[in-house]
Amino acid sequence: MTQRICFQLSVRPERLEEYVARHHKVWPEMLEALEASGWHNYSLFLANNGSLIGYLECEDFVAAQAAMAATKVNARWQSEMAEFFVELDGAGPDESMQALPEVFHLD
């Protein structure tokens, strides 16, 4: 059964343009790692105030996160991207992703 995962993070408002630019040039090896780790239909949505909403589909979110955490490319990407976020409390962006509860779905 496919899980639909939605999460929210906060991007520093002064870094929005650079954050968007980085996502126009995601490393090919990062894209390959996401696919191989079971991340599908993955999208990020960014509001002008820095509110970032992410959505993905996977078979098992915990397993998909663990598979990405085990890759070298993810460690490099998370290290570079951490500076864009607020309120991470010392964790990386990927470790701060908490799935929001789904309250409605129209199939």
Protein backbone atom coordinates (compact mmCIF):
# COMPACT_ATOMS: atom_id res chain seq x y z
CA MET A 1 0.00 0.00 0.00
CA THR A 2 1.39 3.39 -0.98
CA GLN A 3 1.79 5.98 1.75
CA ARG A 4 1.15 9.64 0.94
CA ILE A 5 3.46 11.80 3.04
CA CYS A 6 3.20 15.54 3.56
CA PHE A 7 5.61 17.55 5.71
CA GLN A 8 6.36 21.17 6.53
CA LEU A 9 9.65 22.98 7.13
CA SER A 10 10.62 26.66 7.24
CA VAL A 11 13.15 28.18 4.84
CA ARG A 12 14.92 31.37 5.88
CA PRO A 13 13.07 34.17 4.05
CA GLU A 14 16.32 35.86 3.02
CA ARG A 15 17.46 32.61 1.32
CA LEU A 16 14.32 31.81 -0.72
CA GLU A 17 15.73 32.67 -4.14
CA GLU A 18 18.88 30.62 -3.62
CA TYR A 19 16.86 27.71 -2.22
CA VAL A 20 14.72 27.68 -5.37
CA ALA A 21 17.79 27.99 -7.61
CA ARG A 22 19.43 24.99 -5.92
CA HIS A 23 16.32 22.90 -6.60
CA HIS A 24 16.43 23.78 -10.29
CA LYS A 25 19.82 22.02 -10.35
CA VAL A 26 19.41 19.00 -8.06
CA TRP A 27 22.40 16.71 -8.52
CA PRO A 28 21.66 13.74 -10.80
CA GLU A 29 23.09 11.33 -8.18
CA MET A 30 20.67 12.80 -5.60
CA LEU A 31 17.73 12.21 -7.93
CA GLU A 32 18.92 8.64 -8.54
CA ALA A 33 19.26 8.02 -4.78
CA LEU A 34 15.74 9.29 -4.10
CA GLU A 35 14.30 7.00 -6.76
CA ALA A 36 16.32 4.00 -5.58
CA SER A 37 15.27 4.66 -1.97
CA GLY A 38 11.59 4.50 -2.84
CA TRP A 39 10.69 8.20 -3.00
CA HIS A 40 8.09 8.76 -5.73
CA ASN A 41 5.92 11.64 -6.88
CA TYR A 42 8.03 13.97 -4.69
CA SER A 43 7.19 17.69 -4.80
CA LEU A 44 8.18 20.76 -2.80
CA PHE A 45 6.00 23.89 -2.56
CA LEU A 46 7.40 27.15 -1.17
CA ALA A 47 5.43 30.17 0.08
CA ASN A 48 6.81 33.72 0.09
CA ASN A 49 7.08 33.61 3.90
CA GLY A 50 9.43 30.58 3.76
CA SER A 51 6.84 27.93 4.57
CA LEU A 52 7.89 24.79 2.68
CA ILE A 53 5.44 21.97 2.09
CA GLY A 54 6.74 18.66 0.81
CA TYR A 55 4.75 15.76 -0.60
CA LEU A 56 5.90 12.30 -1.60
CA GLU A 57 4.61 8.81 -2.07
CA CYS A 58 6.42 5.68 -0.90
CA GLU A 59 5.76 2.18 0.36
CA ASP A 60 7.24 2.80 3.83
CA PHE A 61 8.28 6.32 4.88
CA VAL A 62 10.55 5.18 7.71
CA ALA A 63 12.33 2.75 5.39
CA ALA A 64 12.58 5.37 2.60
CA GLN A 65 14.13 7.87 5.03
CA ALA A 66 16.57 5.26 6.32
CA ALA A 67 17.57 4.27 2.79
CA MET A 68 18.34 7.89 1.93
CA ALA A 69 20.20 8.43 5.21
CA ALA A 70 22.49 5.53 4.25
CA THR A 71 23.65 7.24 1.03
CA LYS A 72 26.75 9.41 0.77
CA VAL A 73 25.06 11.85 -1.59
CA ASN A 74 22.29 12.52 0.91
CA ALA A 75 24.80 13.42 3.63
CA ARG A 76 26.43 15.93 1.26
CA TRP A 77 23.08 17.39 0.15
CA GLN A 78 21.72 17.71 3.69
CA SER A 79 24.93 19.38 4.85
CA GLU A 80 24.68 21.98 2.10
CA MET A 81 20.93 22.55 2.53
CA ALA A 82 20.84 22.83 6.34
CA GLU A 83 21.82 26.51 6.25
CA PHE A 84 18.59 27.36 4.41
CA PHE A 85 16.28 26.22 7.22
CA VAL A 86 15.14 27.65 10.54
CA GLU A 87 14.16 25.72 13.66
CA LEU A 88 16.02 22.48 12.96
CA ASP A 89 17.32 22.19 16.56
CA GLY A 90 20.63 20.71 15.42
CA ALA A 91 19.05 18.07 13.19
CA GLY A 92 19.37 17.96 9.41
CA PRO A 93 16.43 18.92 7.20
CA ASP A 94 15.81 15.26 6.36
CA GLU A 95 15.76 14.31 10.05
CA SER A 96 13.31 17.15 10.81
CA MET A 97 10.67 15.96 8.36
CA GLN A 98 7.68 14.83 10.38
CA ALA A 99 4.76 13.45 8.40
CA LEU A 100 1.59 15.48 8.87
CA PRO A 101 -1.56 13.46 9.51
CA GLU A 102 -3.79 13.07 6.50
CA VAL A 103 -7.33 14.13 7.32
CA PHE A 104 -8.93 13.83 3.87
CA HIS A 105 -8.17 12.29 0.49
CA LEU A 106 -10.35 12.31 -2.61
CA ASP A 107 -9.47 9.30 -4.71
